[in-house]
Protein backbone atom coordinates (compact mmCIF):
# COMPACT_ATOMS: atom_id res chain seq x y z
CA UNK A 1 13.14 -3.53 3.18
CA UNK A 2 9.46 -3.94 4.06
CA UNK A 3 6.82 -4.17 1.35
CA UNK A 4 5.68 -0.82 -0.02
CA UNK A 5 2.31 0.15 -1.50
CA UNK A 6 1.66 -0.11 -5.22
CA UNK A 7 3.33 2.96 -6.77
CA UNK A 8 0.11 3.77 -8.63
CA UNK A 9 -1.63 4.27 -5.27
CA UNK A 10 1.15 6.14 -3.47
CA UNK A 11 1.63 9.90 -4.05
CA UNK A 12 4.81 10.75 -5.92
CA UNK A 13 7.61 12.12 -3.81
CA UNK A 14 9.80 15.02 -4.84
CA UNK A 15 13.43 15.79 -4.08
CA UNK A 16 15.75 18.56 -5.19
CA UNK A 17 19.48 18.69 -5.82
CA UNK A 18 21.03 20.87 -3.11
CA UNK A 19 23.26 23.51 -4.74
CA UNK A 20 26.05 23.08 -2.18
CA UNK A 21 28.67 23.39 -4.92
CA UNK A 22 29.26 26.52 -6.95
CA UNK A 23 28.23 26.79 -10.58
CA UNK A 24 24.58 25.77 -10.29
CA UNK A 25 23.01 22.70 -11.88
CA UNK A 26 23.94 23.40 -15.50
CA UNK A 27 27.45 23.84 -16.88
CA UNK A 28 26.57 27.01 -18.74
CA UNK A 29 27.34 30.72 -18.77
CA UNK A 30 23.63 31.52 -18.63
CA UNK A 31 22.57 33.51 -15.57
CA UNK A 32 21.70 31.19 -12.70
CA UNK A 33 20.12 32.97 -9.74
CA UNK A 34 21.33 30.17 -7.49
CA UNK A 35 23.99 30.32 -4.79
CA UNK A 36 26.05 27.67 -3.04
CA UNK A 37 26.22 29.46 0.34
CA UNK A 38 24.66 28.09 3.51
CA UNK A 39 22.40 31.12 4.03
CA UNK A 40 20.92 30.68 0.55
CA UNK A 41 20.53 26.93 1.01
CA UNK A 42 18.89 27.27 4.41
CA UNK A 43 16.30 29.60 2.88
CA UNK A 44 15.85 27.22 -0.06
CA UNK A 45 15.34 24.18 2.20
CA UNK A 46 12.55 25.89 4.14
CA UNK A 47 10.96 27.08 0.90
CA UNK A 48 11.16 23.60 -0.61
CA UNK A 49 9.50 21.82 2.28
CA UNK A 50 6.77 24.46 2.28
CA UNK A 51 6.22 23.81 -1.45
CA UNK A 52 5.71 20.07 -1.33
CA UNK A 53 9.25 18.68 -1.47
CA UNK A 54 9.96 15.58 0.61
CA UNK A 55 13.74 15.20 0.19
CA UNK A 56 16.88 17.17 -0.57
CA UNK A 57 20.08 15.54 -1.89
CA UNK A 58 23.42 17.14 -1.08
CA UNK A 59 26.17 16.73 -3.66
CA UNK A 60 29.59 15.31 -2.88
CA UNK A 61 32.69 16.91 -4.38
CA UNK A 62 36.04 17.17 -2.61
CA UNK A 63 37.90 19.41 -5.04
CA UNK A 64 37.29 21.90 -7.84
CA UNK A 65 36.12 20.32 -11.07
CA UNK A 66 34.07 20.94 -14.20
CA UNK A 67 32.35 24.19 -13.24
CA UNK A 68 32.17 23.42 -9.49
CA UNK A 69 35.00 25.61 -8.25
CA UNK A 70 33.88 25.58 -4.60
CA UNK A 71 32.14 22.86 -2.60
CA UNK A 72 30.63 22.37 0.86
CA UNK A 73 31.09 18.89 2.36
CA UNK A 74 27.92 16.85 2.05
CA UNK A 75 27.37 15.24 5.49
CA UNK A 76 27.97 18.38 7.55
CA UNK A 77 25.91 20.46 5.13
CA UNK A 78 23.10 17.90 5.31
CA UNK A 79 23.02 18.10 9.09
CA UNK A 80 22.83 21.90 8.94
CA UNK A 81 19.84 21.68 6.58
CA UNK A 82 18.16 19.08 8.78
CA UNK A 83 18.43 21.41 11.76
CA UNK A 84 16.98 24.29 9.72
CA UNK A 85 13.85 22.37 8.66
CA UNK A 86 10.99 20.44 10.21
CA UNK A 87 9.84 17.81 7.71
CA UNK A 88 12.39 17.63 4.90
CA UNK A 89 14.49 14.48 4.70
CA UNK A 90 18.07 15.21 3.67
CA UNK A 91 20.13 12.64 1.78
CA UNK A 92 23.90 12.95 2.27
CA UNK A 93 26.03 11.67 -0.62
CA UNK A 94 29.14 9.73 0.46
CA UNK A 95 31.98 7.83 -1.23
CA UNK A 96 32.69 4.43 0.36
CA UNK A 97 36.34 4.71 -0.71
CA UNK A 98 36.74 7.76 1.54
CA UNK A 99 34.66 6.63 4.55
CA UNK A 100 34.67 3.70 6.94
CA UNK A 101 31.11 2.42 7.33
CA UNK A 102 31.34 2.43 11.12
CA UNK A 103 32.23 6.11 11.20
CA UNK A 104 29.40 7.02 8.83
CA UNK A 105 26.99 4.83 10.80
CA UNK A 106 27.82 6.79 13.95
CA UNK A 107 27.41 10.13 12.19
CA UNK A 108 24.14 8.99 10.65
CA UNK A 109 22.70 7.78 13.95
CA UNK A 110 23.50 11.10 15.61
CA UNK A 111 22.05 13.07 12.67
CA UNK A 112 18.93 10.92 12.80
CA UNK A 113 18.41 11.75 16.49
CA UNK A 114 19.12 15.45 16.04
CA UNK A 115 16.63 15.67 13.17
CA UNK A 116 13.87 13.48 14.56
CA UNK A 117 14.46 10.68 12.06
CA UNK A 118 15.08 12.50 8.76
CA UNK A 119 18.63 11.49 7.78
CA UNK A 120 19.31 9.41 4.66
CA UNK A 121 22.41 8.45 2.69
CA UNK A 122 23.27 8.17 -1.01
CA UNK A 123 26.13 5.76 -1.60
CA UNK A 124 28.21 7.01 -4.54
CA UNK A 125 30.59 4.44 -5.98
CA UNK A 126 32.62 7.18 -7.69
CA UNK A 127 33.25 8.63 -11.13
CA UNK A 128 35.89 11.31 -10.49
CA UNK A 129 39.26 9.56 -10.52
CA UNK A 130 41.12 12.81 -9.81
CA UNK A 131 39.63 13.11 -6.32
CA UNK A 132 40.83 9.66 -5.29
CA UNK A 133 44.32 10.03 -6.69
CA UNK A 134 44.69 13.54 -5.19
CA UNK A 135 43.82 12.10 -1.77
CA UNK A 136 46.18 9.16 -2.18
CA UNK A 137 43.42 6.57 -2.38
CA UNK A 138 43.37 3.72 -4.92
CA UNK A 139 41.09 4.08 -7.94
CA UNK A 140 39.45 0.66 -8.24
CA UNK A 141 38.19 -0.91 -11.46
CA UNK A 142 34.52 -0.10 -12.13
CA UNK A 143 32.87 -3.30 -10.93
CA UNK A 144 35.16 -3.44 -7.91
CA UNK A 145 33.93 0.02 -6.88
CA UNK A 146 30.39 -1.33 -6.84
CA UNK A 147 31.46 -4.44 -4.96
CA UNK A 148 33.01 -2.17 -2.32
CA UNK A 149 29.82 -0.09 -2.18
CA UNK A 150 27.70 -3.17 -1.63
CA UNK A 151 29.94 -4.27 1.20
CA UNK A 152 29.74 -0.74 2.64
CA UNK A 153 25.93 -0.87 2.63
CA UNK A 154 25.87 -4.33 4.22
CA UNK A 155 28.13 -3.00 6.97
CA UNK A 156 25.93 0.06 7.51
CA UNK A 157 22.82 -2.07 7.82
CA UNK A 158 24.48 -4.48 10.25
CA UNK A 159 25.77 -1.68 12.48
CA UNK A 160 22.47 0.22 12.42
CA UNK A 161 20.27 -2.79 13.17
CA UNK A 162 22.26 -5.24 15.34
CA UNK A 163 24.52 -5.34 18.35
CA UNK A 164 27.96 -6.95 18.15
CA UNK A 165 28.07 -6.40 14.40
CA UNK A 166 30.58 -8.51 12.47
CA UNK A 167 31.86 -8.23 8.92
CA UNK A 168 34.94 -9.85 7.43
CA UNK A 169 34.87 -8.40 3.95
CA UNK A 170 37.33 -7.74 1.18
CA UNK A 171 37.22 -3.98 1.80
CA UNK A 172 36.04 -3.50 5.40
CA UNK A 173 36.45 -5.24 8.75
CA UNK A 174 33.95 -4.86 11.59
CA UNK A 175 34.53 -6.84 14.77
CA UNK A 176 32.06 -7.04 17.66
CA UNK A 177 30.96 -3.44 17.10
CA UNK A 178 27.87 -2.14 18.91
CA UNK A 179 26.47 1.27 18.03
CA UNK A 180 24.44 3.07 20.69
CA UNK A 181 22.12 4.78 20.21
CA UNK A 182 20.80 3.21 17.07
CA UNK A 183 19.09 5.51 14.54
CA UNK A 184 15.50 6.52 15.22
CA UNK A 185 14.26 5.25 11.85
CA UNK A 186 13.28 1.62 11.62
CA UNK A 187 14.80 -0.55 10.40
CA UNK A 188 17.42 2.11 9.51
CA UNK A 189 17.84 5.40 7.60
CA UNK A 190 16.98 5.07 3.92
CA UNK A 191 19.84 4.06 1.63
CA UNK A 192 19.96 5.40 -1.92
CA UNK A 193 22.33 4.64 -4.78
CA UNK A 194 22.71 5.52 -8.44
CA UNK A 195 24.47 3.94 -11.41
CA UNK A 196 23.51 2.54 -14.78
CA UNK A 197 25.76 -0.49 -15.29
CA UNK A 198 24.82 -4.10 -14.72
CA UNK A 199 26.92 -4.05 -11.54
CA UNK A 200 24.97 -1.03 -10.25
CA UNK A 201 21.60 -2.54 -11.08
CA UNK A 202 22.41 -5.86 -9.42
CA UNK A 203 23.73 -4.12 -6.33
CA UNK A 204 20.52 -2.07 -6.07
CA UNK A 205 18.39 -5.18 -6.32
CA UNK A 206 20.36 -6.89 -3.55
CA UNK A 207 20.89 -4.17 -0.94
CA UNK A 208 19.61 -0.64 -1.64
CA UNK A 209 16.27 0.88 -0.64
CA UNK A 210 16.21 3.37 -3.53
CA UNK A 211 17.74 3.36 -7.01
CA UNK A 212 18.39 6.73 -8.64
CA UNK A 213 18.33 6.82 -12.42
CA UNK A 214 19.95 9.49 -14.57
CA UNK A 215 17.57 11.36 -16.85
CA UNK A 216 15.81 8.92 -19.21
CA UNK A 217 12.94 8.76 -21.65
CA UNK A 218 10.00 6.45 -20.98
CA UNK A 219 11.58 3.39 -22.60
CA UNK A 220 14.86 3.84 -20.73
CA UNK A 221 13.08 4.12 -17.39
CA UNK A 222 10.89 1.08 -18.07
CA UNK A 223 13.92 -1.05 -18.96
CA UNK A 224 15.90 -0.12 -15.84
CA UNK A 225 12.99 -0.55 -13.46
CA UNK A 226 12.22 -3.99 -14.89
CA UNK A 227 15.80 -5.21 -14.53
CA UNK A 228 16.39 -3.93 -11.00
CA UNK A 229 12.98 -5.15 -9.86
CA UNK A 230 13.72 -8.60 -11.24
CA UNK A 231 16.96 -8.80 -9.28
CA UNK A 232 15.22 -7.54 -6.13
CA UNK A 233 12.44 -10.11 -6.48
CA UNK A 234 14.93 -12.98 -6.52
CA UNK A 235 16.13 -11.72 -3.12
CA UNK A 236 12.63 -11.23 -1.73
CA UNK A 237 12.96 -7.45 -1.82
CA UNK A 238 11.31 -4.41 -3.39
CA UNK A 239 13.31 -1.37 -4.49
CA UNK A 240 11.92 2.12 -4.97
CA UNK A 241 12.94 4.24 -7.95
CA UNK A 242 13.97 7.87 -8.27
CA UNK A 243 14.47 9.67 -11.59
CA UNK A 244 16.63 12.71 -12.24
CA UNK A 245 15.09 15.59 -14.15
CA UNK A 246 15.83 19.25 -14.84
CA UNK A 247 12.67 21.35 -14.76
CA UNK A 248 12.08 24.35 -17.01
CA UNK A 249 8.45 25.24 -16.37
CA UNK A 250 7.18 28.57 -17.70
CA UNK A 251 3.81 30.12 -18.49
CA UNK A 252 4.17 29.18 -22.17
CA UNK A 253 5.94 26.32 -23.90
CA UNK A 254 7.77 28.81 -26.13
CA UNK A 255 9.27 30.52 -23.07
CA UNK A 256 10.41 27.21 -21.62
CA UNK A 257 11.94 26.02 -24.89
CA UNK A 258 13.80 29.30 -25.28
CA UNK A 259 15.32 28.95 -21.80
CA UNK A 260 16.54 25.44 -22.63
CA UNK A 261 17.94 26.65 -25.96
CA UNK A 262 19.85 29.45 -24.21
CA UNK A 263 21.26 27.09 -21.55
CA UNK A 264 22.75 24.85 -24.23
CA UNK A 265 23.85 27.73 -26.47
CA UNK A 266 25.81 29.25 -23.59
CA UNK A 267 27.30 25.97 -22.36
CA UNK A 268 30.85 26.09 -21.02
CA UNK A 269 32.28 23.82 -23.68
CA UNK A 270 35.62 23.23 -22.00
CA UNK A 271 33.99 22.26 -18.69
CA UNK A 272 31.36 20.07 -20.37
CA UNK A 273 33.98 18.29 -22.49
CA UNK A 274 36.16 17.74 -19.42
CA UNK A 275 33.26 16.34 -17.43
CA UNK A 276 32.24 14.13 -20.33
CA UNK A 277 35.74 12.72 -20.71
CA UNK A 278 35.96 11.94 -16.97
CA UNK A 279 32.60 10.22 -16.65
CA UNK A 280 32.91 8.27 -19.88
CA UNK A 281 36.34 7.00 -18.78
CA UNK A 282 34.81 5.86 -15.50
CA UNK A 283 31.99 4.01 -17.23
CA UNK A 284 33.92 2.54 -20.16
CA UNK A 285 35.61 0.09 -17.83
CA UNK A 286 32.33 -1.80 -17.38
CA UNK A 287 32.30 -5.24 -18.91
CA UNK A 288 29.10 -4.58 -20.86
CA UNK A 289 29.54 -0.90 -21.73
CA UNK A 290 26.44 0.12 -19.75
CA UNK A 291 28.19 2.58 -17.45
CA UNK A 292 26.59 5.93 -16.67
CA UNK A 293 26.77 8.59 -19.37
CA UNK A 294 27.99 6.13 -22.02
CA UNK A 295 25.36 7.27 -24.53
CA UNK A 296 25.22 10.90 -23.35
CA UNK A 297 25.67 13.57 -25.99
CA UNK A 298 27.13 17.05 -25.43
CA UNK A 299 23.68 18.57 -24.84
CA UNK A 300 22.86 15.93 -22.22
CA UNK A 301 26.08 16.61 -20.31
CA UNK A 302 25.34 20.32 -19.93
CA UNK A 303 23.08 19.12 -17.10
CA UNK A 304 25.41 16.67 -15.48
CA UNK A 305 22.94 13.93 -14.63
CA UNK A 306 21.24 13.91 -18.04
CA UNK A 307 18.35 15.91 -16.59
CA UNK A 308 17.23 17.30 -19.95
CA UNK A 309 16.49 13.77 -21.19
CA UNK A 310 13.54 13.45 -18.82
CA UNK A 311 11.77 16.14 -20.85
CA UNK A 312 10.35 18.28 -18.04
CA UNK A 313 10.23 21.40 -20.22
CA UNK A 314 7.04 23.30 -20.99
CA UNK A 315 3.96 24.71 -19.32
CA UNK A 316 2.96 23.58 -15.81
CA UNK A 317 0.38 21.21 -17.28
CA UNK A 318 2.80 19.73 -19.81
CA UNK A 319 5.43 19.12 -17.13
CA UNK A 320 2.88 17.68 -14.70
CA UNK A 321 1.44 15.28 -17.28
CA UNK A 322 4.90 13.99 -18.18
CA UNK A 323 5.74 13.49 -14.50
CA UNK A 324 2.60 11.40 -13.99
CA UNK A 325 3.45 9.32 -17.06
CA UNK A 326 6.73 8.43 -15.37
CA UNK A 327 4.82 7.48 -12.25
CA UNK A 328 2.68 5.09 -14.29
CA UNK A 329 5.89 3.36 -15.32
CA UNK A 330 6.98 2.77 -11.72
CA UNK A 331 8.84 5.91 -10.67
CA UNK A 332 8.31 6.77 -6.99
CA UNK A 333 10.33 9.98 -6.73
CA UNK A 334 11.49 12.80 -9.00
CA UNK A 335 14.91 14.27 -8.18
CA UNK A 336 14.81 17.75 -9.67
CA UNK A 337 17.21 20.52 -10.60
CA UNK A 338 16.35 24.11 -11.47
CA UNK A 339 17.96 27.16 -13.05
CA UNK A 340 16.85 29.81 -10.53
CA UNK A 341 16.19 27.76 -7.42
CA UNK A 342 14.17 30.07 -5.20
CA UNK A 343 11.87 31.27 -7.97
CA UNK A 344 11.62 27.93 -9.76
CA UNK A 345 11.00 25.79 -6.66
CA UNK A 346 8.16 28.07 -5.59
CA UNK A 347 6.74 28.08 -9.15
CA UNK A 348 6.89 24.29 -9.20
CA UNK A 349 5.16 24.01 -5.83
CA UNK A 350 2.37 26.44 -6.67
CA UNK A 351 1.83 25.82 -10.39
CA UNK A 352 3.03 22.30 -11.27
CA UNK A 353 2.55 20.18 -8.15
CA UNK A 354 -1.21 20.88 -7.75
CA UNK A 355 -1.76 19.58 -11.29
CA UNK A 356 0.31 16.48 -10.52
CA UNK A 357 -1.92 15.76 -7.52
CA UNK A 358 -5.07 16.28 -9.59
CA UNK A 359 -3.80 13.91 -12.27
CA UNK A 360 -2.82 11.30 -9.67
CA UNK A 361 -6.35 11.46 -8.25
CA UNK A 362 -7.80 10.99 -11.74
CA UNK A 363 -5.63 7.92 -12.32
CA UNK A 364 -6.72 6.41 -9.01
CA UNK A 365 -10.39 7.14 -9.72
CA UNK A 366 -10.10 5.51 -13.13
CA UNK A 367 -8.55 2.41 -11.60
CA UNK A 368 -11.24 2.08 -8.93
């Protein structure tokens, strides 16, 4: 990936979790004025890009699980949102174990052309064993899943950027394969990944453009960015960083805190416990015990990517100041979830984002 500007000088980017699965973004019985339908999501995508959002990330689930009873497939849903918008980049989440890289490369190239160069992909190594076994696919050991994902990304890059692509890997074979047309984006559509383990961090440093972190406090973010950046530097690369966060911004801090309290108080305990058991099992197989969600408590798991840990709860100014503090530590993008998407995305764009931009300008002026 080409060199990028210093994150302190580059405006923060914002993404939102697409609610393309039922149940909203918290596993709770609290009212969520959010819907998983296409009509709702098309309206949300237009609203988001008009309120300062740069990206949308579609979720990938293949079967009912842990509060997500219904799901729309991520790549087709992403294309629909791309065609409904003008500027928004849409990131489609995919599982390498259920895709061949050549097939996804072809889909991605077509989506890139249809959208004018706005397609991106999030490579998900997998945490839900039940999906793989239900579809008759092998459930690999943790580090092997990341090794497969890295091979998948290497194949994608080769197919998207070269003719007569070749790969003789342990998981995929590509022989003299030429994709035409290539994607519009140069050198290729952006490639995102998540993960917390050593295997995930090393993979990000070697091959990914973006590394998504689950919700973290300042120290947790600083530690992950330092490790991934160190790996990337040894390979002559620079990785960008995205951080998950769940936003509860209200006119007063008391209002915001009360919303968070109610979300947790009304949590669907059975669904949260089931999700926690599944993700902890997936991460416990890491050699160093650093798998995702390994230190997550019940309250954290109510928002299933630890979004409460980022601490984006309070007044617009409080939320904006915390966001800019994360930027100072090297975060390039905030991946956000909301309780009532249409209302909360507009509130964020009109009340929080202007303060973020003012604070960014102050930081730049102070550094000049």
